[in-house]
mmCIF file of all heavy atoms, coordinates in Angstrom:
data_MODEL
# 
_entry.id   MODEL 
# 
loop_
_atom_site.group_PDB 
_atom_site.id 
_atom_site.type_symbol 
_atom_site.label_atom_id 
_atom_site.label_alt_id 
_atom_site.label_comp_id 
_atom_site.label_asym_id 
_atom_site.label_entity_id 
_atom_site.label_seq_id 
_atom_site.pdbx_PDB_ins_code 
_atom_site.Cartn_x 
_atom_site.Cartn_y 
_atom_site.Cartn_z 
_atom_site.occupancy 
_atom_site.B_iso_or_equiv 
_atom_site.pdbx_formal_charge 
_atom_site.auth_seq_id 
_atom_site.auth_comp_id 
_atom_site.auth_asym_id 
_atom_site.auth_atom_id 
_atom_site.pdbx_PDB_model_num 
ATOM 1   N N   . GLY A 1 1  ? 72.393 126.897 153.008 1.00 0.00 ? 1  GLY A N   1 
ATOM 2   C CA  . GLY A 1 1  ? 71.834 128.156 152.875 1.00 0.00 ? 1  GLY A CA  1 
ATOM 3   C C   . GLY A 1 1  ? 70.333 128.131 153.078 1.00 0.00 ? 1  GLY A C   1 
ATOM 4   O O   . GLY A 1 1  ? 69.729 129.026 153.764 1.00 0.00 ? 1  GLY A O   1 
ATOM 5   N N   . LEU A 1 2  ? 69.550 127.253 152.464 1.00 0.00 ? 2  LEU A N   1 
ATOM 6   C CA  . LEU A 1 2  ? 68.204 127.071 152.640 1.00 0.00 ? 2  LEU A CA  1 
ATOM 7   C C   . LEU A 1 2  ? 67.741 126.809 154.064 1.00 0.00 ? 2  LEU A C   1 
ATOM 8   O O   . LEU A 1 2  ? 66.756 127.349 154.594 1.00 0.00 ? 2  LEU A O   1 
ATOM 9   C CB  . LEU A 1 2  ? 67.597 125.984 151.740 1.00 0.00 ? 2  LEU A CB  1 
ATOM 10  C CG  . LEU A 1 2  ? 67.661 126.200 150.267 1.00 0.00 ? 2  LEU A CG  1 
ATOM 11  C CD1 . LEU A 1 2  ? 67.438 124.942 149.414 1.00 0.00 ? 2  LEU A CD1 1 
ATOM 12  C CD2 . LEU A 1 2  ? 66.486 127.236 149.925 1.00 0.00 ? 2  LEU A CD2 1 
ATOM 13  N N   . ALA A 1 3  ? 68.644 126.054 154.790 1.00 0.00 ? 3  ALA A N   1 
ATOM 14  C CA  . ALA A 1 3  ? 68.322 125.807 156.239 1.00 0.00 ? 3  ALA A CA  1 
ATOM 15  C C   . ALA A 1 3  ? 68.445 127.028 157.083 1.00 0.00 ? 3  ALA A C   1 
ATOM 16  O O   . ALA A 1 3  ? 67.684 127.123 157.967 1.00 0.00 ? 3  ALA A O   1 
ATOM 17  C CB  . ALA A 1 3  ? 69.347 124.746 156.704 1.00 0.00 ? 3  ALA A CB  1 
ATOM 18  N N   . THR A 1 4  ? 69.258 127.944 156.713 1.00 0.00 ? 4  THR A N   1 
ATOM 19  C CA  . THR A 1 4  ? 69.377 129.115 157.490 1.00 0.00 ? 4  THR A CA  1 
ATOM 20  C C   . THR A 1 4  ? 68.129 130.046 157.303 1.00 0.00 ? 4  THR A C   1 
ATOM 21  O O   . THR A 1 4  ? 67.878 130.944 158.041 1.00 0.00 ? 4  THR A O   1 
ATOM 22  C CB  . THR A 1 4  ? 70.641 130.021 157.035 1.00 0.00 ? 4  THR A CB  1 
ATOM 23  O OG1 . THR A 1 4  ? 70.457 130.459 155.718 1.00 0.00 ? 4  THR A OG1 1 
ATOM 24  C CG2 . THR A 1 4  ? 71.903 129.269 157.250 1.00 0.00 ? 4  THR A CG2 1 
ATOM 25  N N   . CYS A 1 5  ? 67.323 129.736 156.256 1.00 0.00 ? 5  CYS A N   1 
ATOM 26  C CA  . CYS A 1 5  ? 66.148 130.503 156.022 1.00 0.00 ? 5  CYS A CA  1 
ATOM 27  C C   . CYS A 1 5  ? 64.861 129.850 156.456 1.00 0.00 ? 5  CYS A C   1 
ATOM 28  O O   . CYS A 1 5  ? 63.716 130.204 156.126 1.00 0.00 ? 5  CYS A O   1 
ATOM 29  C CB  . CYS A 1 5  ? 65.990 130.749 154.443 1.00 0.00 ? 5  CYS A CB  1 
ATOM 30  S SG  . CYS A 1 5  ? 67.339 131.623 153.792 1.00 0.00 ? 5  CYS A SG  1 
ATOM 31  N N   . GLY A 1 6  ? 65.088 128.826 157.300 1.00 0.00 ? 6  GLY A N   1 
ATOM 32  C CA  . GLY A 1 6  ? 63.957 128.021 157.897 1.00 0.00 ? 6  GLY A CA  1 
ATOM 33  C C   . GLY A 1 6  ? 63.312 126.923 157.079 1.00 0.00 ? 6  GLY A C   1 
ATOM 34  O O   . GLY A 1 6  ? 62.459 126.242 157.520 1.00 0.00 ? 6  GLY A O   1 
ATOM 35  N N   . LYS A 1 7  ? 63.966 126.577 155.863 1.00 0.00 ? 7  LYS A N   1 
ATOM 36  C CA  . LYS A 1 7  ? 63.547 125.424 155.127 1.00 0.00 ? 7  LYS A CA  1 
ATOM 37  C C   . LYS A 1 7  ? 64.218 124.175 155.747 1.00 0.00 ? 7  LYS A C   1 
ATOM 38  O O   . LYS A 1 7  ? 65.128 124.160 156.535 1.00 0.00 ? 7  LYS A O   1 
ATOM 39  C CB  . LYS A 1 7  ? 63.921 125.615 153.666 1.00 0.00 ? 7  LYS A CB  1 
ATOM 40  C CG  . LYS A 1 7  ? 63.351 126.826 152.989 1.00 0.00 ? 7  LYS A CG  1 
ATOM 41  C CD  . LYS A 1 7  ? 61.870 126.767 153.053 1.00 0.00 ? 7  LYS A CD  1 
ATOM 42  C CE  . LYS A 1 7  ? 61.231 127.969 152.366 1.00 0.00 ? 7  LYS A CE  1 
ATOM 43  N NZ  . LYS A 1 7  ? 59.790 128.062 152.351 1.00 0.00 ? 7  LYS A NZ  1 
ATOM 44  N N   . ILE A 1 8  ? 63.630 122.988 155.391 1.00 0.00 ? 8  ILE A N   1 
ATOM 45  C CA  . ILE A 1 8  ? 64.031 121.719 155.702 1.00 0.00 ? 8  ILE A CA  1 
ATOM 46  C C   . ILE A 1 8  ? 64.550 120.925 154.424 1.00 0.00 ? 8  ILE A C   1 
ATOM 47  O O   . ILE A 1 8  ? 63.743 120.288 153.793 1.00 0.00 ? 8  ILE A O   1 
ATOM 48  C CB  . ILE A 1 8  ? 63.045 120.815 156.461 1.00 0.00 ? 8  ILE A CB  1 
ATOM 49  C CG1 . ILE A 1 8  ? 62.457 121.608 157.651 1.00 0.00 ? 8  ILE A CG1 1 
ATOM 50  C CG2 . ILE A 1 8  ? 63.694 119.544 156.939 1.00 0.00 ? 8  ILE A CG2 1 
ATOM 51  C CD1 . ILE A 1 8  ? 61.363 120.967 158.354 1.00 0.00 ? 8  ILE A CD1 1 
ATOM 52  N N   . PRO A 1 9  ? 65.817 121.161 154.112 1.00 0.00 ? 9  PRO A N   1 
ATOM 53  C CA  . PRO A 1 9  ? 66.227 120.593 152.816 1.00 0.00 ? 9  PRO A CA  1 
ATOM 54  C C   . PRO A 1 9  ? 66.754 119.103 152.941 1.00 0.00 ? 9  PRO A C   1 
ATOM 55  O O   . PRO A 1 9  ? 67.368 118.756 153.955 1.00 0.00 ? 9  PRO A O   1 
ATOM 56  C CB  . PRO A 1 9  ? 67.512 121.459 152.531 1.00 0.00 ? 9  PRO A CB  1 
ATOM 57  C CG  . PRO A 1 9  ? 67.964 122.048 153.800 1.00 0.00 ? 9  PRO A CG  1 
ATOM 58  C CD  . PRO A 1 9  ? 66.748 122.146 154.770 1.00 0.00 ? 9  PRO A CD  1 
ATOM 59  N N   . TYR A 1 10 ? 66.272 118.319 151.994 1.00 0.00 ? 10 TYR A N   1 
ATOM 60  C CA  . TYR A 1 10 ? 66.738 116.925 151.902 1.00 0.00 ? 10 TYR A CA  1 
ATOM 61  C C   . TYR A 1 10 ? 67.584 116.950 150.552 1.00 0.00 ? 10 TYR A C   1 
ATOM 62  O O   . TYR A 1 10 ? 67.175 117.214 149.471 1.00 0.00 ? 10 TYR A O   1 
ATOM 63  C CB  . TYR A 1 10 ? 65.550 116.043 151.586 1.00 0.00 ? 10 TYR A CB  1 
ATOM 64  C CG  . TYR A 1 10 ? 64.777 115.645 152.882 1.00 0.00 ? 10 TYR A CG  1 
ATOM 65  C CD1 . TYR A 1 10 ? 63.992 116.592 153.533 1.00 0.00 ? 10 TYR A CD1 1 
ATOM 66  C CD2 . TYR A 1 10 ? 64.856 114.416 153.378 1.00 0.00 ? 10 TYR A CD2 1 
ATOM 67  C CE1 . TYR A 1 10 ? 63.320 116.211 154.765 1.00 0.00 ? 10 TYR A CE1 1 
ATOM 68  C CE2 . TYR A 1 10 ? 64.073 114.016 154.625 1.00 0.00 ? 10 TYR A CE2 1 
ATOM 69  C CZ  . TYR A 1 10 ? 63.471 114.944 155.226 1.00 0.00 ? 10 TYR A CZ  1 
ATOM 70  O OH  . TYR A 1 10 ? 62.757 114.665 156.380 1.00 0.00 ? 10 TYR A OH  1 
ATOM 71  N N   . ALA A 1 11 ? 68.865 116.701 150.740 1.00 0.00 ? 11 ALA A N   1 
ATOM 72  C CA  . ALA A 1 11 ? 69.823 116.660 149.647 1.00 0.00 ? 11 ALA A CA  1 
ATOM 73  C C   . ALA A 1 11 ? 70.284 115.298 149.407 1.00 0.00 ? 11 ALA A C   1 
ATOM 74  O O   . ALA A 1 11 ? 70.674 114.522 150.259 1.00 0.00 ? 11 ALA A O   1 
ATOM 75  C CB  . ALA A 1 11 ? 71.042 117.437 150.067 1.00 0.00 ? 11 ALA A CB  1 
ATOM 76  N N   . SER A 1 12 ? 70.120 114.973 148.045 1.00 0.00 ? 12 SER A N   1 
ATOM 77  C CA  . SER A 1 12 ? 70.386 113.554 147.663 1.00 0.00 ? 12 SER A CA  1 
ATOM 78  C C   . SER A 1 12 ? 71.325 113.422 146.425 1.00 0.00 ? 12 SER A C   1 
ATOM 79  O O   . SER A 1 12 ? 71.251 114.170 145.518 1.00 0.00 ? 12 SER A O   1 
ATOM 80  C CB  . SER A 1 12 ? 69.086 112.869 147.360 1.00 0.00 ? 12 SER A CB  1 
ATOM 81  O OG  . SER A 1 12 ? 68.229 112.861 148.439 1.00 0.00 ? 12 SER A OG  1 
ATOM 82  N N   . THR A 1 13 ? 72.112 112.338 146.535 1.00 0.00 ? 13 THR A N   1 
ATOM 83  C CA  . THR A 1 13 ? 72.972 111.882 145.388 1.00 0.00 ? 13 THR A CA  1 
ATOM 84  C C   . THR A 1 13 ? 73.391 110.479 145.860 1.00 0.00 ? 13 THR A C   1 
ATOM 85  O O   . THR A 1 13 ? 73.078 109.977 146.910 1.00 0.00 ? 13 THR A O   1 
ATOM 86  C CB  . THR A 1 13 ? 74.060 112.887 145.067 1.00 0.00 ? 13 THR A CB  1 
ATOM 87  O OG1 . THR A 1 13 ? 74.831 112.381 143.901 1.00 0.00 ? 13 THR A OG1 1 
ATOM 88  C CG2 . THR A 1 13 ? 75.039 112.965 146.205 1.00 0.00 ? 13 THR A CG2 1 
ATOM 89  N N   . PHE A 1 14 ? 74.297 109.869 145.019 1.00 0.00 ? 14 PHE A N   1 
ATOM 90  C CA  . PHE A 1 14 ? 74.774 108.567 145.516 1.00 0.00 ? 14 PHE A CA  1 
ATOM 91  C C   . PHE A 1 14 ? 75.863 108.849 146.687 1.00 0.00 ? 14 PHE A C   1 
ATOM 92  O O   . PHE A 1 14 ? 76.417 109.897 146.724 1.00 0.00 ? 14 PHE A O   1 
ATOM 93  C CB  . PHE A 1 14 ? 75.694 108.052 144.253 1.00 0.00 ? 14 PHE A CB  1 
ATOM 94  C CG  . PHE A 1 14 ? 74.768 107.415 143.104 1.00 0.00 ? 14 PHE A CG  1 
ATOM 95  C CD1 . PHE A 1 14 ? 73.472 107.648 143.132 1.00 0.00 ? 14 PHE A CD1 1 
ATOM 96  C CD2 . PHE A 1 14 ? 75.511 106.901 142.090 1.00 0.00 ? 14 PHE A CD2 1 
ATOM 97  C CE1 . PHE A 1 14 ? 72.716 107.116 142.143 1.00 0.00 ? 14 PHE A CE1 1 
ATOM 98  C CE2 . PHE A 1 14 ? 74.682 106.498 141.043 1.00 0.00 ? 14 PHE A CE2 1 
ATOM 99  C CZ  . PHE A 1 14 ? 73.309 106.606 140.996 1.00 0.00 ? 14 PHE A CZ  1 
ATOM 100 N N   . ALA A 1 15 ? 75.894 107.860 147.520 1.00 0.00 ? 15 ALA A N   1 
ATOM 101 C CA  . ALA A 1 15 ? 76.715 108.001 148.743 1.00 0.00 ? 15 ALA A CA  1 
ATOM 102 C C   . ALA A 1 15 ? 78.168 108.412 148.440 1.00 0.00 ? 15 ALA A C   1 
ATOM 103 O O   . ALA A 1 15 ? 78.822 109.179 149.170 1.00 0.00 ? 15 ALA A O   1 
ATOM 104 C CB  . ALA A 1 15 ? 76.661 106.655 149.634 1.00 0.00 ? 15 ALA A CB  1 
ATOM 105 N N   . VAL A 1 16 ? 78.758 107.836 147.382 1.00 0.00 ? 16 VAL A N   1 
ATOM 106 C CA  . VAL A 1 16 ? 80.061 108.131 147.051 1.00 0.00 ? 16 VAL A CA  1 
ATOM 107 C C   . VAL A 1 16 ? 80.394 109.526 146.687 1.00 0.00 ? 16 VAL A C   1 
ATOM 108 O O   . VAL A 1 16 ? 81.484 110.162 146.960 1.00 0.00 ? 16 VAL A O   1 
ATOM 109 C CB  . VAL A 1 16 ? 80.578 107.163 145.898 1.00 0.00 ? 16 VAL A CB  1 
ATOM 110 C CG1 . VAL A 1 16 ? 80.049 107.605 144.534 1.00 0.00 ? 16 VAL A CG1 1 
ATOM 111 C CG2 . VAL A 1 16 ? 82.055 107.160 145.743 1.00 0.00 ? 16 VAL A CG2 1 
ATOM 112 N N   . PHE A 1 17 ? 79.240 110.249 146.125 1.00 0.00 ? 17 PHE A N   1 
ATOM 113 C CA  . PHE A 1 17 ? 79.442 111.656 145.842 1.00 0.00 ? 17 PHE A CA  1 
ATOM 114 C C   . PHE A 1 17 ? 78.973 112.517 146.956 1.00 0.00 ? 17 PHE A C   1 
ATOM 115 O O   . PHE A 1 17 ? 79.539 113.535 147.310 1.00 0.00 ? 17 PHE A O   1 
ATOM 116 C CB  . PHE A 1 17 ? 78.518 111.967 144.631 1.00 0.00 ? 17 PHE A CB  1 
ATOM 117 C CG  . PHE A 1 17 ? 78.903 111.158 143.373 1.00 0.00 ? 17 PHE A CG  1 
ATOM 118 C CD1 . PHE A 1 17 ? 77.812 110.581 142.746 1.00 0.00 ? 17 PHE A CD1 1 
ATOM 119 C CD2 . PHE A 1 17 ? 80.097 111.047 143.056 1.00 0.00 ? 17 PHE A CD2 1 
ATOM 120 C CE1 . PHE A 1 17 ? 78.079 109.777 141.544 1.00 0.00 ? 17 PHE A CE1 1 
ATOM 121 C CE2 . PHE A 1 17 ? 80.405 110.241 141.911 1.00 0.00 ? 17 PHE A CE2 1 
ATOM 122 C CZ  . PHE A 1 17 ? 79.378 109.638 141.171 1.00 0.00 ? 17 PHE A CZ  1 
ATOM 123 N N   . ALA A 1 18 ? 77.960 112.065 147.813 1.00 0.00 ? 18 ALA A N   1 
ATOM 124 C CA  . ALA A 1 18 ? 77.528 112.816 148.944 1.00 0.00 ? 18 ALA A CA  1 
ATOM 125 C C   . ALA A 1 18 ? 78.670 112.913 150.065 1.00 0.00 ? 18 ALA A C   1 
ATOM 126 O O   . ALA A 1 18 ? 79.081 113.964 150.409 1.00 0.00 ? 18 ALA A O   1 
ATOM 127 C CB  . ALA A 1 18 ? 76.264 112.222 149.504 1.00 0.00 ? 18 ALA A CB  1 
ATOM 128 N N   . ALA A 1 19 ? 79.056 111.835 150.573 1.00 0.00 ? 19 ALA A N   1 
ATOM 129 C CA  . ALA A 1 19 ? 80.034 111.674 151.602 1.00 0.00 ? 19 ALA A CA  1 
ATOM 130 C C   . ALA A 1 19 ? 81.455 111.940 151.145 1.00 0.00 ? 19 ALA A C   1 
ATOM 131 O O   . ALA A 1 19 ? 82.230 112.346 151.889 1.00 0.00 ? 19 ALA A O   1 
ATOM 132 C CB  . ALA A 1 19 ? 79.954 110.289 152.336 1.00 0.00 ? 19 ALA A CB  1 
ATOM 133 N N   . GLY A 1 20 ? 81.756 111.695 149.811 1.00 0.00 ? 20 GLY A N   1 
ATOM 134 C CA  . GLY A 1 20 ? 83.040 111.761 149.366 1.00 0.00 ? 20 GLY A CA  1 
ATOM 135 C C   . GLY A 1 20 ? 83.327 113.206 148.775 1.00 0.00 ? 20 GLY A C   1 
ATOM 136 O O   . GLY A 1 20 ? 84.050 113.957 149.400 1.00 0.00 ? 20 GLY A O   1 
ATOM 137 N N   . ARG A 1 21 ? 82.732 113.555 147.642 1.00 0.00 ? 21 ARG A N   1 
ATOM 138 C CA  . ARG A 1 21 ? 82.889 114.847 147.114 1.00 0.00 ? 21 ARG A CA  1 
ATOM 139 C C   . ARG A 1 21 ? 82.420 115.929 148.019 1.00 0.00 ? 21 ARG A C   1 
ATOM 140 O O   . ARG A 1 21 ? 82.971 117.134 147.931 1.00 0.00 ? 21 ARG A O   1 
ATOM 141 C CB  . ARG A 1 21 ? 82.301 115.034 145.722 1.00 0.00 ? 21 ARG A CB  1 
ATOM 142 C CG  . ARG A 1 21 ? 82.928 114.258 144.603 1.00 0.00 ? 21 ARG A CG  1 
ATOM 143 C CD  . ARG A 1 21 ? 82.266 114.540 143.286 1.00 0.00 ? 21 ARG A CD  1 
ATOM 144 N NE  . ARG A 1 21 ? 82.867 113.790 142.183 1.00 0.00 ? 21 ARG A NE  1 
ATOM 145 C CZ  . ARG A 1 21 ? 82.450 113.730 141.014 1.00 0.00 ? 21 ARG A CZ  1 
ATOM 146 N NH1 . ARG A 1 21 ? 81.301 114.414 140.662 1.00 0.00 ? 21 ARG A NH1 1 
ATOM 147 N NH2 . ARG A 1 21 ? 82.977 112.962 140.105 1.00 0.00 ? 21 ARG A NH2 1 
ATOM 148 N N   . GLY A 1 22 ? 81.370 115.706 148.714 1.00 0.00 ? 22 GLY A N   1 
ATOM 149 C CA  . GLY A 1 22 ? 80.740 116.775 149.523 1.00 0.00 ? 22 GLY A CA  1 
ATOM 150 C C   . GLY A 1 22 ? 81.288 116.906 150.975 1.00 0.00 ? 22 GLY A C   1 
ATOM 151 O O   . GLY A 1 22 ? 80.702 117.611 151.680 1.00 0.00 ? 22 GLY A O   1 
ATOM 152 N N   . TYR A 1 23 ? 82.298 116.072 151.240 1.00 0.00 ? 23 TYR A N   1 
ATOM 153 C CA  . TYR A 1 23 ? 82.780 116.052 152.753 1.00 0.00 ? 23 TYR A CA  1 
ATOM 154 C C   . TYR A 1 23 ? 83.042 117.467 153.301 1.00 0.00 ? 23 TYR A C   1 
ATOM 155 O O   . TYR A 1 23 ? 82.595 117.765 154.446 1.00 0.00 ? 23 TYR A O   1 
ATOM 156 C CB  . TYR A 1 23 ? 83.909 115.245 152.861 1.00 0.00 ? 23 TYR A CB  1 
ATOM 157 C CG  . TYR A 1 23 ? 84.348 115.078 154.343 1.00 0.00 ? 23 TYR A CG  1 
ATOM 158 C CD1 . TYR A 1 23 ? 83.782 114.234 155.226 1.00 0.00 ? 23 TYR A CD1 1 
ATOM 159 C CD2 . TYR A 1 23 ? 85.418 115.808 154.825 1.00 0.00 ? 23 TYR A CD2 1 
ATOM 160 C CE1 . TYR A 1 23 ? 84.079 114.132 156.508 1.00 0.00 ? 23 TYR A CE1 1 
ATOM 161 C CE2 . TYR A 1 23 ? 85.845 115.710 156.093 1.00 0.00 ? 23 TYR A CE2 1 
ATOM 162 C CZ  . TYR A 1 23 ? 85.116 114.881 157.016 1.00 0.00 ? 23 TYR A CZ  1 
ATOM 163 O OH  . TYR A 1 23 ? 85.512 114.782 158.349 1.00 0.00 ? 23 TYR A OH  1 
ATOM 164 N N   . ASP A 1 24 ? 83.829 118.260 152.497 1.00 0.00 ? 24 ASP A N   1 
ATOM 165 C CA  . ASP A 1 24 ? 84.157 119.551 153.038 1.00 0.00 ? 24 ASP A CA  1 
ATOM 166 C C   . ASP A 1 24 ? 82.965 120.444 153.361 1.00 0.00 ? 24 ASP A C   1 
ATOM 167 O O   . ASP A 1 24 ? 82.946 121.135 154.481 1.00 0.00 ? 24 ASP A O   1 
ATOM 168 C CB  . ASP A 1 24 ? 85.132 120.267 152.093 1.00 0.00 ? 24 ASP A CB  1 
ATOM 169 C CG  . ASP A 1 24 ? 85.671 121.580 152.634 1.00 0.00 ? 24 ASP A CG  1 
ATOM 170 O OD1 . ASP A 1 24 ? 86.185 121.500 153.637 1.00 0.00 ? 24 ASP A OD1 1 
ATOM 171 O OD2 . ASP A 1 24 ? 85.503 122.603 151.906 1.00 0.00 ? 24 ASP A OD2 1 
ATOM 172 N N   . GLN A 1 25 ? 81.990 120.367 152.442 1.00 0.00 ? 25 GLN A N   1 
ATOM 173 C CA  . GLN A 1 25 ? 80.828 121.228 152.650 1.00 0.00 ? 25 GLN A CA  1 
ATOM 174 C C   . GLN A 1 25 ? 79.903 120.728 153.827 1.00 0.00 ? 25 GLN A C   1 
ATOM 175 O O   . GLN A 1 25 ? 79.382 121.454 154.612 1.00 0.00 ? 25 GLN A O   1 
ATOM 176 C CB  . GLN A 1 25 ? 79.970 121.246 151.376 1.00 0.00 ? 25 GLN A CB  1 
ATOM 177 C CG  . GLN A 1 25 ? 80.525 122.178 150.290 1.00 0.00 ? 25 GLN A CG  1 
ATOM 178 C CD  . GLN A 1 25 ? 81.836 121.686 149.758 1.00 0.00 ? 25 GLN A CD  1 
ATOM 179 O OE1 . GLN A 1 25 ? 82.006 120.472 149.603 1.00 0.00 ? 25 GLN A OE1 1 
ATOM 180 N NE2 . GLN A 1 25 ? 82.694 122.615 149.400 1.00 0.00 ? 25 GLN A NE2 1 
ATOM 181 N N   . ILE A 1 26 ? 79.931 119.378 153.930 1.00 0.00 ? 26 ILE A N   1 
ATOM 182 C CA  . ILE A 1 26 ? 79.152 118.769 155.087 1.00 0.00 ? 26 ILE A CA  1 
ATOM 183 C C   . ILE A 1 26 ? 79.850 119.170 156.406 1.00 0.00 ? 26 ILE A C   1 
ATOM 184 O O   . ILE A 1 26 ? 79.125 119.543 157.330 1.00 0.00 ? 26 ILE A O   1 
ATOM 185 C CB  . ILE A 1 26 ? 79.092 117.233 154.950 1.00 0.00 ? 26 ILE A CB  1 
ATOM 186 C CG1 . ILE A 1 26 ? 78.300 116.854 153.747 1.00 0.00 ? 26 ILE A CG1 1 
ATOM 187 C CG2 . ILE A 1 26 ? 78.504 116.550 156.170 1.00 0.00 ? 26 ILE A CG2 1 
ATOM 188 C CD1 . ILE A 1 26 ? 78.352 115.340 153.406 1.00 0.00 ? 26 ILE A CD1 1 
ATOM 189 N N   . ARG A 1 27 ? 81.144 119.093 156.405 1.00 0.00 ? 27 ARG A N   1 
ATOM 190 C CA  . ARG A 1 27 ? 81.863 119.402 157.654 1.00 0.00 ? 27 ARG A CA  1 
ATOM 191 C C   . ARG A 1 27 ? 81.744 120.896 158.014 1.00 0.00 ? 27 ARG A C   1 
ATOM 192 O O   . ARG A 1 27 ? 81.325 121.247 159.196 1.00 0.00 ? 27 ARG A O   1 
ATOM 193 C CB  . ARG A 1 27 ? 83.295 119.025 157.455 1.00 0.00 ? 27 ARG A CB  1 
ATOM 194 C CG  . ARG A 1 27 ? 84.196 119.272 158.804 1.00 0.00 ? 27 ARG A CG  1 
ATOM 195 C CD  . ARG A 1 27 ? 85.649 118.939 158.470 1.00 0.00 ? 27 ARG A CD  1 
ATOM 196 N NE  . ARG A 1 27 ? 86.376 118.998 159.729 1.00 0.00 ? 27 ARG A NE  1 
ATOM 197 C CZ  . ARG A 1 27 ? 86.953 120.118 160.257 1.00 0.00 ? 27 ARG A CZ  1 
ATOM 198 N NH1 . ARG A 1 27 ? 86.752 121.247 159.693 1.00 0.00 ? 27 ARG A NH1 1 
ATOM 199 N NH2 . ARG A 1 27 ? 87.671 119.971 161.409 1.00 0.00 ? 27 ARG A NH2 1 
ATOM 200 N N   . ASN A 1 28 ? 82.060 121.707 157.069 1.00 0.00 ? 28 ASN A N   1 
ATOM 201 C CA  . ASN A 1 28 ? 82.289 123.139 157.392 1.00 0.00 ? 28 ASN A CA  1 
ATOM 202 C C   . ASN A 1 28 ? 80.988 124.102 157.263 1.00 0.00 ? 28 ASN A C   1 
ATOM 203 O O   . ASN A 1 28 ? 80.785 125.017 158.000 1.00 0.00 ? 28 ASN A O   1 
ATOM 204 C CB  . ASN A 1 28 ? 83.334 123.700 156.640 1.00 0.00 ? 28 ASN A CB  1 
ATOM 205 C CG  . ASN A 1 28 ? 84.735 123.219 157.022 1.00 0.00 ? 28 ASN A CG  1 
ATOM 206 O OD1 . ASN A 1 28 ? 84.962 122.960 158.197 1.00 0.00 ? 28 ASN A OD1 1 
ATOM 207 N ND2 . ASN A 1 28 ? 85.559 122.856 156.103 1.00 0.00 ? 28 ASN A ND2 1 
ATOM 208 N N   . SER A 1 29 ? 80.158 123.622 156.314 1.00 0.00 ? 29 SER A N   1 
ATOM 209 C CA  . SER A 1 29 ? 78.878 124.432 156.001 1.00 0.00 ? 29 SER A CA  1 
ATOM 210 C C   . SER A 1 29 ? 77.689 123.837 156.666 1.00 0.00 ? 29 SER A C   1 
ATOM 211 O O   . SER A 1 29 ? 76.688 124.576 156.754 1.00 0.00 ? 29 SER A O   1 
ATOM 212 C CB  . SER A 1 29 ? 78.699 124.537 154.447 1.00 0.00 ? 29 SER A CB  1 
ATOM 213 O OG  . SER A 1 29 ? 79.766 125.160 153.851 1.00 0.00 ? 29 SER A OG  1 
# 
């Protein structure tokens, strides 16, 4: 959402949570 407003977001967490839990949002959003 922030990216659609012209911001440059850096989103961080452990890789297992970023790529694992967040996969659907990374793919579709």
